[in-house]
Amino acid sequence: MPIFMIGIQRSGSNLLRLMLNQLPNITAPHPPHILQRMMPLLPVYGDLKDERNFATLVDDVCRLVELNPVPWEGVVLDRKQVAAKCRERSLVAIFGAVYQVYAESRGSQDWLCKSMQNTMYLKEIEACFPNARYLYLYRDGRDVAVSFRKAVVGEKHFYHIAKEWAQIQKLALAHRAIVPAERFTSISYEDLTANPSETMQRICRSLNVPYQESMLDFHRSEEAQRAAESSSLWSNVVKPVIAGNTRKFLREASEEDIRCFESVAGDMLDALGYARAFVARGQEQRFTEADVRRFDEENRRLKEETRLNTDADDLKRRGMQESLLGEIKRRPQATAM
């Protein structure tokens, strides 16, 4: 059974991944973000009905996985085995086959992908995996913005983060409206951290898997240790669930930033039940083109500042996948058959 976690990064996805990875029947490796990184490059490969084109794509996907900042241990990705497991000639099928090979190497029946950017490809995922389960993990967007502000990845200005956060929530909620209820589970970060045992029991019931208390000991696992050592992004995963890690934006963000976020994404805060702090419904600020240009410049400055302050080894690990993607982009596009 394929399981897809959807939503946006900095919402507790690694916490939930590691908790589910404690179950013997579910394999939940650190994601190489296959669809996010490879989908824009598909024109390079031409018609995937051509054996050579398809084999090249299979090889590149496997290479991407092999260069993941948090390695997939204990598996050799045999390209022919991966290709044989593909249910169709598509990137989504290769993605699923790679996860299936890894799950089988771990003796698991089911696998989970926690690449939150999969939210952008729900139509393609649903077409290839019509029985897939979805775990929609959401968090107060203002706390997400505070977290992104500190992270090596993602946007940095509250305006840009608010736009992305709102878009992702709308896509997830639209998918929830069309997928059978038994295949879609919504989880708030606030519930997960305040009541981890009860929340995980509910998730296990939705996935038809037995709950185990060991899920709460995720922070002692080798997988958590390897993730924490790979990047400061995941340093908290070697700690128990941090209760009360909510509404940090009231302490760590300026009123101007919060007003900006609530003006851009207030409707989605309302839809998910998060109370506004400063901007009442109907009182949202309208930003001019000059405002947006100023936000863009500040966003670029903050990104560069973050990059300069990021650990060199962390950047090196991330750079391995980027080098592969650069190599693929420089190839001449295959001729469509």
C-alpha atoms as a PDB file:
ATOM      1  CA  MET A   1       0.000   0.000   0.000  1.00  0.00           C
ATOM      2  CA  PRO A   2       1.488   3.366  -1.010  1.00  0.00           C
ATOM      3  CA  ILE A   3       1.022   6.152   1.534  1.00  0.00           C
ATOM      4  CA  PHE A   4       1.626   9.798   0.645  1.00  0.00           C
ATOM      5  CA  MET A   5       2.128  12.529   3.199  1.00  0.00           C
ATOM      6  CA  ILE A   6       0.990  15.858   1.773  1.00  0.00           C
ATOM      7  CA  GLY A   7       1.053  19.459   2.924  1.00  0.00           C
ATOM      8  CA  ILE A   8       4.026  21.794   3.228  1.00  0.00           C
ATOM      9  CA  GLN A   9       7.477  21.413   4.735  1.00  0.00           C
ATOM     10  CA  ARG A  10       8.251  22.649   8.271  1.00  0.00           C
ATOM     11  CA  SER A  11       4.959  21.162   9.476  1.00  0.00           C
ATOM     12  CA  GLY A  12       6.335  18.182  11.397  1.00  0.00           C
ATOM     13  CA  SER A  13       6.628  15.817   8.448  1.00  0.00           C
ATOM     14  CA  ASN A  14       9.925  14.295   9.586  1.00  0.00           C
ATOM     15  CA  LEU A  15       8.487  13.741  13.052  1.00  0.00           C
ATOM     16  CA  LEU A  16       5.486  11.883  11.614  1.00  0.00           C
ATOM     17  CA  ARG A  17       7.673   9.979   9.132  1.00  0.00           C
ATOM     18  CA  LEU A  18       9.974   8.693  11.864  1.00  0.00           C
ATOM     19  CA  MET A  19       7.065   7.681  14.071  1.00  0.00           C
ATOM     20  CA  LEU A  20       5.490   5.645  11.264  1.00  0.00           C
ATOM     21  CA  ASN A  21       8.866   4.194  10.315  1.00  0.00           C
ATOM     22  CA  GLN A  22       8.882   2.457  13.703  1.00  0.00           C
ATOM     23  CA  LEU A  23       6.128   0.127  12.496  1.00  0.00           C
ATOM     24  CA  PRO A  24       7.350  -3.172  11.003  1.00  0.00           C
ATOM     25  CA  ASN A  25       4.866  -3.055   8.119  1.00  0.00           C
ATOM     26  CA  ILE A  26       5.657   0.492   6.967  1.00  0.00           C
ATOM     27  CA  THR A  27       8.908   1.716   5.450  1.00  0.00           C
ATOM     28  CA  ALA A  28       9.265   5.498   5.496  1.00  0.00           C
ATOM     29  CA  PRO A  29      12.709   6.576   4.264  1.00  0.00           C
ATOM     30  CA  HIS A  30      13.963  10.119   4.041  1.00  0.00           C
ATOM     31  CA  PRO A  31      12.622  11.385   0.694  1.00  0.00           C
ATOM     32  CA  PRO A  32      14.853  12.190  -2.297  1.00  0.00           C
ATOM     33  CA  HIS A  33      11.954  14.327  -3.647  1.00  0.00           C
ATOM     34  CA  ILE A  34      11.752  12.398  -6.912  1.00  0.00           C
ATOM     35  CA  LEU A  35       8.655  14.035  -8.401  1.00  0.00           C
ATOM     36  CA  GLN A  36       9.577  17.558  -7.313  1.00  0.00           C
ATOM     37  CA  ARG A  37      13.030  17.327  -8.867  1.00  0.00           C
ATOM     38  CA  MET A  38      12.434  15.137 -11.900  1.00  0.00           C
ATOM     39  CA  MET A  39       8.997  16.166 -13.173  1.00  0.00           C
ATOM     40  CA  PRO A  40      10.255  19.498 -14.615  1.00  0.00           C
ATOM     41  CA  LEU A  41      13.009  17.589 -16.451  1.00  0.00           C
ATOM     42  CA  LEU A  42      10.772  15.084 -18.264  1.00  0.00           C
ATOM     43  CA  PRO A  43      11.068  16.840 -21.677  1.00  0.00           C
ATOM     44  CA  VAL A  44      14.745  15.848 -21.680  1.00  0.00           C
ATOM     45  CA  TYR A  45      13.777  12.164 -21.957  1.00  0.00           C
ATOM     46  CA  GLY A  46      11.393  12.275 -24.897  1.00  0.00           C
ATOM     47  CA  ASP A  47       8.887   9.479 -25.461  1.00  0.00           C
ATOM     48  CA  LEU A  48       9.102   7.024 -22.562  1.00  0.00           C
ATOM     49  CA  LYS A  49       7.741   4.237 -24.767  1.00  0.00           C
ATOM     50  CA  ASP A  50      11.246   4.132 -26.212  1.00  0.00           C
ATOM     51  CA  GLU A  51      13.226   1.560 -24.188  1.00  0.00           C
ATOM     52  CA  ARG A  52      16.381   3.664 -24.122  1.00  0.00           C
ATOM     53  CA  ASN A  53      14.606   6.791 -22.939  1.00  0.00           C
ATOM     54  CA  PHE A  54      12.775   4.903 -20.211  1.00  0.00           C
ATOM     55  CA  ALA A  55      15.953   3.128 -19.085  1.00  0.00           C
ATOM     56  CA  THR A  56      17.771   6.461 -18.876  1.00  0.00           C
ATOM     57  CA  LEU A  57      15.022   7.923 -16.701  1.00  0.00           C
ATOM     58  CA  VAL A  58      15.055   4.841 -14.441  1.00  0.00           C
ATOM     59  CA  ASP A  59      18.818   5.173 -14.045  1.00  0.00           C
ATOM     60  CA  ASP A  60      18.630   8.894 -13.270  1.00  0.00           C
ATOM     61  CA  VAL A  61      15.912   8.397 -10.655  1.00  0.00           C
ATOM     62  CA  CYS A  62      17.988   5.679  -8.998  1.00  0.00           C
ATOM     63  CA  ARG A  63      21.046   7.941  -9.046  1.00  0.00           C
ATOM     64  CA  LEU A  64      19.024  10.712  -7.432  1.00  0.00           C
ATOM     65  CA  VAL A  65      18.038   8.324  -4.634  1.00  0.00           C
ATOM     66  CA  GLU A  66      21.627   7.138  -4.227  1.00  0.00           C
ATOM     67  CA  LEU A  67      22.737  10.766  -3.748  1.00  0.00           C
ATOM     68  CA  ASN A  68      20.104  11.525  -1.102  1.00  0.00           C
ATOM     69  CA  PRO A  69      21.519  13.568   1.815  1.00  0.00           C
ATOM     70  CA  VAL A  70      20.169  10.896   4.190  1.00  0.00           C
ATOM     71  CA  PRO A  71      21.170   7.603   2.507  1.00  0.00           C
ATOM     72  CA  TRP A  72      18.795   4.693   2.003  1.00  0.00           C
ATOM     73  CA  GLU A  73      20.688   1.960   3.796  1.00  0.00           C
ATOM     74  CA  GLY A  74      20.628  -1.747   3.029  1.00  0.00           C
ATOM     75  CA  VAL A  75      19.303  -1.614  -0.536  1.00  0.00           C
ATOM     76  CA  VAL A  76      20.877  -1.860  -3.974  1.00  0.00           C
ATOM     77  CA  LEU A  77      18.699  -0.310  -6.660  1.00  0.00           C
ATOM     78  CA  ASP A  78      18.951  -2.769  -9.516  1.00  0.00           C
ATOM     79  CA  ARG A  79      17.779  -0.809 -12.541  1.00  0.00           C
ATOM     80  CA  LYS A  80      16.206  -3.809 -14.277  1.00  0.00           C
ATOM     81  CA  GLN A  81      14.324  -4.759 -11.109  1.00  0.00           C
ATOM     82  CA  VAL A  82      13.017  -1.206 -10.737  1.00  0.00           C
ATOM     83  CA  ALA A  83      11.912  -1.093 -14.385  1.00  0.00           C
ATOM     84  CA  ALA A  84      10.183  -4.479 -14.065  1.00  0.00           C
ATOM     85  CA  LYS A  85       8.121  -3.227 -11.125  1.00  0.00           C
ATOM     86  CA  CYS A  86       6.793  -0.193 -13.003  1.00  0.00           C
ATOM     87  CA  ARG A  87       3.092  -0.502 -13.693  1.00  0.00           C
ATOM     88  CA  GLU A  88       3.353   1.936 -16.598  1.00  0.00           C
ATOM     89  CA  ARG A  89       5.950   3.959 -18.492  1.00  0.00           C
ATOM     90  CA  SER A  90       5.905   7.078 -16.358  1.00  0.00           C
ATOM     91  CA  LEU A  91       7.978   8.943 -13.797  1.00  0.00           C
ATOM     92  CA  VAL A  92       5.336   8.341 -11.123  1.00  0.00           C
ATOM     93  CA  ALA A  93       5.532   4.596 -11.765  1.00  0.00           C
ATOM     94  CA  ILE A  94       9.349   4.640 -11.454  1.00  0.00           C
ATOM     95  CA  PHE A  95       9.012   6.598  -8.232  1.00  0.00           C
ATOM     96  CA  GLY A  96       6.624   3.977  -6.842  1.00  0.00           C
ATOM     97  CA  ALA A  97       8.826   1.089  -8.006  1.00  0.00           C
ATOM     98  CA  VAL A  98      11.880   2.528  -6.251  1.00  0.00           C
ATOM     99  CA  TYR A  99       9.955   2.824  -2.985  1.00  0.00           C
ATOM    100  CA  GLN A 100       8.572  -0.695  -3.420  1.00  0.00           C
ATOM    101  CA  VAL A 101      12.049  -2.159  -3.934  1.00  0.00           C
ATOM    102  CA  TYR A 102      13.240  -0.427  -0.779  1.00  0.00           C
ATOM    103  CA  ALA A 103      10.210  -1.561   1.243  1.00  0.00           C
ATOM    104  CA  GLU A 104      10.754  -5.163   0.159  1.00  0.00           C
ATOM    105  CA  SER A 105      14.429  -4.949   1.154  1.00  0.00           C
ATOM    106  CA  ARG A 106      13.218  -3.989   4.637  1.00  0.00           C
ATOM    107  CA  GLY A 107      10.597  -6.740   4.775  1.00  0.00           C
ATOM    108  CA  SER A 108       7.751  -4.221   4.765  1.00  0.00           C
ATOM    109  CA  GLN A 109       4.422  -4.511   2.989  1.00  0.00           C
ATOM    110  CA  ASP A 110       3.703  -0.782   2.743  1.00  0.00           C
ATOM    111  CA  TRP A 111       5.755   2.336   2.062  1.00  0.00           C
ATOM    112  CA  LEU A 112       5.327   6.007   2.855  1.00  0.00           C
ATOM    113  CA  CYS A 113       6.713   8.991   0.962  1.00  0.00           C
ATOM    114  CA  LYS A 114       6.862  12.154   3.002  1.00  0.00           C
ATOM    115  CA  SER A 115       7.927  14.472   0.183  1.00  0.00           C
ATOM    116  CA  MET A 116       5.410  17.235   0.825  1.00  0.00           C
ATOM    117  CA  GLN A 117       5.873  18.666  -2.665  1.00  0.00           C
ATOM    118  CA  ASN A 118       3.953  15.631  -3.910  1.00  0.00           C
ATOM    119  CA  THR A 119       0.937  17.825  -3.168  1.00  0.00           C
ATOM    120  CA  MET A 120       1.648  19.466  -6.529  1.00  0.00           C
ATOM    121  CA  TYR A 121       1.274  16.126  -8.339  1.00  0.00           C
ATOM    122  CA  LEU A 122      -1.811  14.604  -6.759  1.00  0.00           C
ATOM    123  CA  LYS A 123      -3.584  14.105 -10.082  1.00  0.00           C
ATOM    124  CA  GLU A 124      -0.670  12.047 -11.452  1.00  0.00           C
ATOM    125  CA  ILE A 125      -0.297  10.092  -8.195  1.00  0.00           C
ATOM    126  CA  GLU A 126      -3.981   9.241  -8.013  1.00  0.00           C
ATOM    127  CA  ALA A 127      -3.999   8.098 -11.640  1.00  0.00           C
ATOM    128  CA  CYS A 128      -1.098   5.708 -11.071  1.00  0.00           C
ATOM    129  CA  PHE A 129      -2.053   4.602  -7.537  1.00  0.00           C
ATOM    130  CA  PRO A 130      -5.877   4.610  -7.317  1.00  0.00           C
ATOM    131  CA  ASN A 131      -5.813   2.922  -3.892  1.00  0.00           C
ATOM    132  CA  ALA A 132      -3.222   5.229  -2.334  1.00  0.00           C
ATOM    133  CA  ARG A 133      -3.683   6.547   1.198  1.00  0.00           C
ATOM    134  CA  TYR A 134      -3.064  10.204   2.018  1.00  0.00           C
ATOM    135  CA  LEU A 135      -1.937  11.772   5.284  1.00  0.00           C
ATOM    136  CA  TYR A 136      -2.574  15.511   5.129  1.00  0.00           C
ATOM    137  CA  LEU A 137      -0.380  17.148   7.771  1.00  0.00           C
ATOM    138  CA  TYR A 138      -1.018  20.820   8.348  1.00  0.00           C
ATOM    139  CA  ARG A 139       0.304  23.450  10.768  1.00  0.00           C
ATOM    140  CA  ASP A 140      -0.465  27.068  11.562  1.00  0.00           C
ATOM    141  CA  GLY A 141       1.060  28.843   8.591  1.00  0.00           C
ATOM    142  CA  ARG A 142       2.546  31.607  10.709  1.00  0.00           C
ATOM    143  CA  ASP A 143       4.582  29.029  12.653  1.00  0.00           C
ATOM    144  CA  VAL A 144       5.541  27.448   9.338  1.00  0.00           C
ATOM    145  CA  ALA A 145       6.822  30.865   8.240  1.00  0.00           C
ATOM    146  CA  VAL A 146       8.885  31.256  11.414  1.00  0.00           C
ATOM    147  CA  SER A 147      10.424  27.838  10.780  1.00  0.00           C
ATOM    148  CA  PHE A 148      11.189  28.550   7.112  1.00  0.00           C
ATOM    149  CA  ARG A 149      12.843  31.821   8.104  1.00  0.00           C
ATOM    150  CA  LYS A 150      15.488  29.770   9.958  1.00  0.00           C
ATOM    151  CA  ALA A 151      15.795  26.869   7.498  1.00  0.00           C
ATOM    152  CA  VAL A 152      18.306  26.332   4.696  1.00  0.00           C
ATOM    153  CA  VAL A 153      15.426  25.504   2.326  1.00  0.00           C
ATOM    154  CA  GLY A 154      12.407  27.464   1.162  1.00  0.00           C
ATOM    155  CA  GLU A 155      11.247  31.042   0.913  1.00  0.00           C
ATOM    156  CA  LYS A 156      12.175  33.543   3.622  1.00  0.00           C
ATOM    157  CA  HIS A 157       9.819  36.523   3.413  1.00  0.00           C
ATOM    158  CA  PHE A 158       6.426  36.055   5.070  1.00  0.00           C
ATOM    159  CA  TYR A 159       4.693  37.270   1.894  1.00  0.00           C
ATOM    160  CA  HIS A 160       6.201  34.483  -0.213  1.00  0.00           C
ATOM    161  CA  ILE A 161       5.762  31.831   2.467  1.00  0.00           C
ATOM    162  CA  ALA A 162       2.114  32.818   2.954  1.00  0.00           C
ATOM    163  CA  LYS A 163       1.388  32.502  -0.775  1.00  0.00           C
ATOM    164  CA  GLU A 164       2.999  29.065  -0.976  1.00  0.00           C
ATOM    165  CA  TRP A 165       1.408  27.834   2.269  1.00  0.00           C
ATOM    166  CA  ALA A 166      -2.065  28.907   1.143  1.00  0.00           C
ATOM    167  CA  GLN A 167      -1.667  27.315  -2.293  1.00  0.00           C
ATOM    168  CA  ILE A 168      -0.601  23.981  -0.817  1.00  0.00           C
ATOM    169  CA  GLN A 169      -3.480  23.915   1.688  1.00  0.00           C
ATOM    170  CA  LYS A 170      -5.990  24.641  -1.089  1.00  0.00           C
ATOM    171  CA  LEU A 171      -4.624  21.791  -3.201  1.00  0.00           C
ATOM    172  CA  ALA A 172      -4.739  19.368  -0.274  1.00  0.00           C
ATOM    173  CA  LEU A 173      -8.273  20.345   0.716  1.00  0.00           C
ATOM    174  CA  ALA A 174      -9.450  20.073  -2.895  1.00  0.00           C
ATOM    175  CA  HIS A 175      -8.025  16.551  -3.020  1.00  0.00           C
ATOM    176  CA  ARG A 176      -9.715  15.675   0.257  1.00  0.00           C
ATOM    177  CA  ALA A 177     -13.025  16.671  -1.303  1.00  0.00           C
ATOM    178  CA  ILE A 178     -12.735  14.095  -4.102  1.00  0.00           C
ATOM    179  CA  VAL A 179     -10.921  11.159  -2.455  1.00  0.00           C
ATOM    180  CA  PRO A 180     -12.955   8.587  -0.494  1.00  0.00           C
ATOM    181  CA  ALA A 181     -12.832   9.408   3.210  1.00  0.00           C
ATOM    182  CA  GLU A 182     -11.261   6.069   4.115  1.00  0.00           C
ATOM    183  CA  ARG A 183      -8.206   6.942   2.019  1.00  0.00           C
ATOM    184  CA  PHE A 184      -7.620  10.460   3.384  1.00  0.00           C
ATOM    185  CA  THR A 185      -6.629  11.417   6.935  1.00  0.00           C
ATOM    186  CA  SER A 186      -6.120  14.981   8.148  1.00  0.00           C
ATOM    187  CA  ILE A 187      -3.686  15.626  11.009  1.00  0.00           C
ATOM    188  CA  SER A 188      -2.786  18.955  12.568  1.00  0.00           C
ATOM    189  CA  TYR A 189       0.737  19.460  13.867  1.00  0.00           C
ATOM    190  CA  GLU A 190      -0.792  20.939  16.982  1.00  0.00           C
ATOM    191  CA  ASP A 191      -2.733  17.716  17.730  1.00  0.00           C
ATOM    192  CA  LEU A 192       0.260  15.547  16.880  1.00  0.00           C
ATOM    193  CA  THR A 193       2.512  17.324  19.360  1.00  0.00           C
ATOM    194  CA  ALA A 194      -0.079  17.888  22.099  1.00  0.00           C
ATOM    195  CA  ASN A 195      -1.541  14.361  21.994  1.00  0.00           C
ATOM    196  CA  PRO A 196       0.947  12.136  20.140  1.00  0.00           C
ATOM    197  CA  SER A 197      -0.334   8.784  21.401  1.00  0.00           C
ATOM    198  CA  GLU A 198      -4.003   9.493  20.634  1.00  0.00           C
ATOM    199  CA  THR A 199      -3.152  11.045  17.260  1.00  0.00           C
ATOM    200  CA  MET A 200      -0.955   8.126  16.196  1.00  0.00           C
ATOM    201  CA  GLN A 201      -3.619   5.641  17.253  1.00  0.00           C
ATOM    202  CA  ARG A 202      -6.094   7.455  15.004  1.00  0.00           C
ATOM    203  CA  ILE A 203      -3.627   7.410  12.110  1.00  0.00           C
ATOM    204  CA  CYS A 204      -2.963   3.704  12.598  1.00  0.00           C
ATOM    205  CA  ARG A 205      -6.701   2.976  12.525  1.00  0.00           C
ATOM    206  CA  SER A 206      -7.012   4.908   9.278  1.00  0.00           C
ATOM    207  CA  LEU A 207      -4.157   2.888   7.748  1.00  0.00           C
ATOM    208  CA  ASN A 208      -5.419  -0.428   9.141  1.00  0.00           C
ATOM    209  CA  VAL A 209      -2.128  -1.120  10.923  1.00  0.00           C
ATOM    210  CA  PRO A 210      -1.594  -1.986  14.612  1.00  0.00           C
ATOM    211  CA  TYR A 211      -0.537   0.855  16.880  1.00  0.00           C
ATOM    212  CA  GLN A 212       2.712   0.322  18.783  1.00  0.00           C
ATOM    213  CA  GLU A 213       4.034   2.328  21.726  1.00  0.00           C
ATOM    214  CA  SER A 214       7.479   2.176  20.104  1.00  0.00           C
ATOM    215  CA  MET A 215       6.272   4.872  17.714  1.00  0.00           C
ATOM    216  CA  LEU A 216       6.778   7.385  20.515  1.00  0.00           C
ATOM    217  CA  ASP A 217      10.417   6.270  20.823  1.00  0.00           C
ATOM    218  CA  PHE A 218      11.206   7.386  17.273  1.00  0.00           C
ATOM    219  CA  HIS A 219      13.934   9.719  18.570  1.00  0.00           C
ATOM    220  CA  ARG A 220      16.033   6.734  19.683  1.00  0.00           C
ATOM    221  CA  SER A 221      16.024   5.102  16.244  1.00  0.00           C
ATOM    222  CA  GLU A 222      19.047   4.866  13.951  1.00  0.00           C
ATOM    223  CA  GLU A 223      17.029   6.578  11.222  1.00  0.00           C
ATOM    224  CA  ALA A 224      16.431   9.603  13.477  1.00  0.00           C
ATOM    225  CA  GLN A 225      20.121   9.753  14.352  1.00  0.00           C
ATOM    226  CA  ARG A 226      21.176   9.654  10.692  1.00  0.00           C
ATOM    227  CA  ALA A 227      18.697  12.389   9.770  1.00  0.00           C
ATOM    228  CA  ALA A 228      19.860  14.648  12.614  1.00  0.00           C
ATOM    229  CA  GLU A 229      23.498  14.198  11.612  1.00  0.00           C
ATOM    230  CA  SER A 230      22.745  15.100   7.998  1.00  0.00           C
ATOM    231  CA  SER A 231      21.338  18.592   8.510  1.00  0.00           C
ATOM    232  CA  SER A 232      20.426  21.139  11.146  1.00  0.00           C
ATOM    233  CA  LEU A 233      16.952  21.080   9.549  1.00  0.00           C
ATOM    234  CA  TRP A 234      16.265  17.841  11.399  1.00  0.00           C
ATOM    235  CA  SER A 235      18.154  18.361  14.657  1.00  0.00           C
ATOM    236  CA  ASN A 236      14.977  18.048  16.748  1.00  0.00           C
ATOM    237  CA  VAL A 237      14.190  14.505  15.576  1.00  0.00           C
ATOM    238  CA  VAL A 238      16.520  13.003  18.184  1.00  0.00           C
ATOM    239  CA  LYS A 239      14.379  14.550  20.906  1.00  0.00           C
ATOM    240  CA  PRO A 240      10.997  13.329  22.176  1.00  0.00           C
ATOM    241  CA  VAL A 241       7.884  15.079  20.875  1.00  0.00           C
ATOM    242  CA  ILE A 242       8.112  18.746  21.839  1.00  0.00           C
ATOM    243  CA  ALA A 243       4.748  19.585  23.405  1.00  0.00           C
ATOM    244  CA  GLY A 244       3.659  23.205  23.255  1.00  0.00           C
ATOM    245  CA  ASN A 245       5.785  23.988  20.203  1.00  0.00           C
ATOM    246  CA  THR A 246       2.981  26.173  18.847  1.00  0.00           C
ATOM    247  CA  ARG A 247       2.100  29.838  18.292  1.00  0.00           C
ATOM    248  CA  LYS A 248       5.788  30.633  18.229  1.00  0.00           C
ATOM    249  CA  PHE A 249       5.056  33.391  15.731  1.00  0.00           C
ATOM    250  CA  LEU A 250       3.723  35.572  18.556  1.00  0.00           C
ATOM    251  CA  ARG A 251       7.188  35.526  20.138  1.00  0.00           C
ATOM    252  CA  GLU A 252       9.449  35.251  17.103  1.00  0.00           C
ATOM    253  CA  ALA A 253       7.790  37.251  14.334  1.00  0.00           C
ATOM    254  CA  SER A 254       7.144  40.965  14.075  1.00  0.00           C
ATOM    255  CA  GLU A 255       3.618  42.335  13.972  1.00  0.00           C
ATOM    256  CA  GLU A 256       4.369  43.561  10.445  1.00  0.00           C
ATOM    257  CA  ASP A 257       5.269  40.039   9.319  1.00  0.00           C
ATOM    258  CA  ILE A 258       2.178  38.532  10.931  1.00  0.00           C
ATOM    259  CA  ARG A 259      -0.063  41.177   9.368  1.00  0.00           C
ATOM    260  CA  CYS A 260       1.500  40.413   5.987  1.00  0.00           C
ATOM    261  CA  PHE A 261       0.846  36.687   6.379  1.00  0.00           C
ATOM    262  CA  GLU A 262      -2.737  37.145   7.556  1.00  0.00           C
ATOM    263  CA  SER A 263      -3.444  39.555   4.691  1.00  0.00           C
ATOM    264  CA  VAL A 264      -2.197  37.036   2.113  1.00  0.00           C
ATOM    265  CA  ALA A 265      -3.432  33.749   3.627  1.00  0.00           C
ATOM    266  CA  GLY A 266      -6.083  34.711   6.146  1.00  0.00           C
ATOM    267  CA  ASP A 267      -8.787  32.753   4.324  1.00  0.00           C
ATOM    268  CA  MET A 268      -6.838  29.518   4.702  1.00  0.00           C
ATOM    269  CA  LEU A 269      -6.067  30.217   8.354  1.00  0.00           C
ATOM    270  CA  ASP A 270      -9.831  30.573   8.792  1.00  0.00           C
ATOM    271  CA  ALA A 271     -10.561  27.378   6.863  1.00  0.00           C
ATOM    272  CA  LEU A 272      -8.210  25.354   9.064  1.00  0.00           C
ATOM    273  CA  GLY A 273      -9.437  26.867  12.317  1.00  0.00           C
ATOM    274  CA  TYR A 274      -6.504  29.116  13.217  1.00  0.00           C
ATOM    275  CA  ALA A 275      -7.471  32.376  14.896  1.00  0.00           C
ATOM    276  CA  ARG A 276      -6.079  35.545  13.390  1.00  0.00           C
ATOM    277  CA  ALA A 277      -3.894  37.717  15.601  1.00  0.00           C
ATOM    278  CA  PHE A 278      -4.094  41.152  13.968  1.00  0.00           C
ATOM    279  CA  VAL A 279      -5.974  41.260  10.642  1.00  0.00           C
ATOM    280  CA  ALA A 280      -9.722  40.748  10.828  1.00  0.00           C
ATOM    281  CA  ARG A 281     -11.596  39.224   7.919  1.00  0.00           C
ATOM    282  CA  GLY A 282     -12.244  41.934   5.347  1.00  0.00           C
ATOM    283  CA  GLN A 283      -9.428  44.122   6.644  1.00  0.00           C
ATOM    284  CA  GLU A 284      -6.624  42.475   4.663  1.00  0.00           C
ATOM    285  CA  GLN A 285      -3.939  44.786   3.282  1.00  0.00           C
ATOM    286  CA  ARG A 286      -3.602  44.977  -0.503  1.00  0.00           C
ATOM    287  CA  PHE A 287       0.022  45.045  -1.622  1.00  0.00           C
ATOM    288  CA  THR A 288       1.192  47.157  -4.562  1.00  0.00           C
ATOM    289  CA  GLU A 289       3.648  46.122  -7.250  1.00  0.00           C
ATOM    290  CA  ALA A 290       6.240  48.252  -5.478  1.00  0.00           C
ATOM    291  CA  ASP A 291       5.550  46.365  -2.235  1.00  0.00           C
ATOM    292  CA  VAL A 292       6.018  43.008  -3.980  1.00  0.00           C
ATOM    293  CA  ARG A 293       9.292  44.136  -5.581  1.00  0.00           C
ATOM    294  CA  ARG A 294      10.509  45.136  -2.131  1.00  0.00           C
ATOM    295  CA  PHE A 295       9.434  41.753  -0.727  1.00  0.00           C
ATOM    296  CA  ASP A 296      11.231  39.970  -3.588  1.00  0.00           C
ATOM    297  CA  GLU A 297      14.464  41.796  -2.872  1.00  0.00           C
ATOM    298  CA  GLU A 298      14.267  41.087   0.839  1.00  0.00           C
ATOM    299  CA  ASN A 299      13.490  37.436   0.118  1.00  0.00           C
ATOM    300  CA  ARG A 300      16.606  37.131  -2.057  1.00  0.00           C
ATOM    301  CA  ARG A 301      18.730  38.828   0.589  1.00  0.00           C
ATOM    302  CA  LEU A 302      17.486  36.521   3.352  1.00  0.00           C
ATOM    303  CA  LYS A 303      18.054  33.426   1.184  1.00  0.00           C
ATOM    304  CA  GLU A 304      21.643  34.428   0.505  1.00  0.00           C
ATOM    305  CA  GLU A 305      22.231  35.229   4.163  1.00  0.00           C
ATOM    306  CA  THR A 306      20.913  31.792   5.114  1.00  0.00           C
ATOM    307  CA  ARG A 307      23.097  30.069   2.526  1.00  0.00           C
ATOM    308  CA  LEU A 308      26.215  31.820   3.818  1.00  0.00           C
ATOM    309  CA  ASN A 309      25.423  30.748   7.360  1.00  0.00           C
ATOM    310  CA  THR A 310      24.681  27.106   6.501  1.00  0.00           C
ATOM    311  CA  ASP A 311      27.132  24.385   7.478  1.00  0.00           C
ATOM    312  CA  ALA A 312      29.449  23.595   4.558  1.00  0.00           C
ATOM    313  CA  ASP A 313      29.001  19.825   4.931  1.00  0.00           C
ATOM    314  CA  ASP A 314      25.222  20.247   4.804  1.00  0.00           C
ATOM    315  CA  LEU A 315      25.521  22.240   1.571  1.00  0.00           C
ATOM    316  CA  LYS A 316      27.887  19.633   0.145  1.00  0.00           C
ATOM    317  CA  ARG A 317      25.439  16.799   0.819  1.00  0.00           C
ATOM    318  CA  ARG A 318      22.637  18.759  -0.829  1.00  0.00           C
ATOM    319  CA  GLY A 319      24.897  19.713  -3.710  1.00  0.00           C
ATOM    320  CA  MET A 320      25.335  16.101  -4.853  1.00  0.00           C
ATOM    321  CA  GLN A 321      21.729  15.888  -6.040  1.00  0.00           C
ATOM    322  CA  GLU A 322      21.915  19.388  -7.504  1.00  0.00           C
ATOM    323  CA  SER A 323      24.964  18.372  -9.555  1.00  0.00           C
ATOM    324  CA  LEU A 324      23.034  15.452 -11.029  1.00  0.00           C
ATOM    325  CA  LEU A 325      20.089  17.682 -11.905  1.00  0.00           C
ATOM    326  CA  GLY A 326      22.459  20.153 -13.551  1.00  0.00           C
ATOM    327  CA  GLU A 327      23.961  17.339 -15.618  1.00  0.00           C
ATOM    328  CA  ILE A 328      20.497  16.258 -16.780  1.00  0.00           C
ATOM    329  CA  LYS A 329      19.495  19.823 -17.683  1.00  0.00           C
ATOM    330  CA  ARG A 330      22.570  20.182 -19.888  1.00  0.00           C
ATOM    331  CA  ARG A 331      21.684  17.147 -21.989  1.00  0.00           C
ATOM    332  CA  PRO A 332      20.079  17.702 -25.389  1.00  0.00           C
ATOM    333  CA  GLN A 333      16.391  16.901 -25.290  1.00  0.00           C
ATOM    334  CA  ALA A 334      15.521  13.451 -26.655  1.00  0.00           C
ATOM    335  CA  THR A 335      13.560  13.345 -29.881  1.00  0.00           C
ATOM    336  CA  ALA A 336       9.928  12.403 -29.330  1.00  0.00           C
ATOM    337  CA  MET A 337       9.025   9.133 -31.063  1.00  0.00           C
END
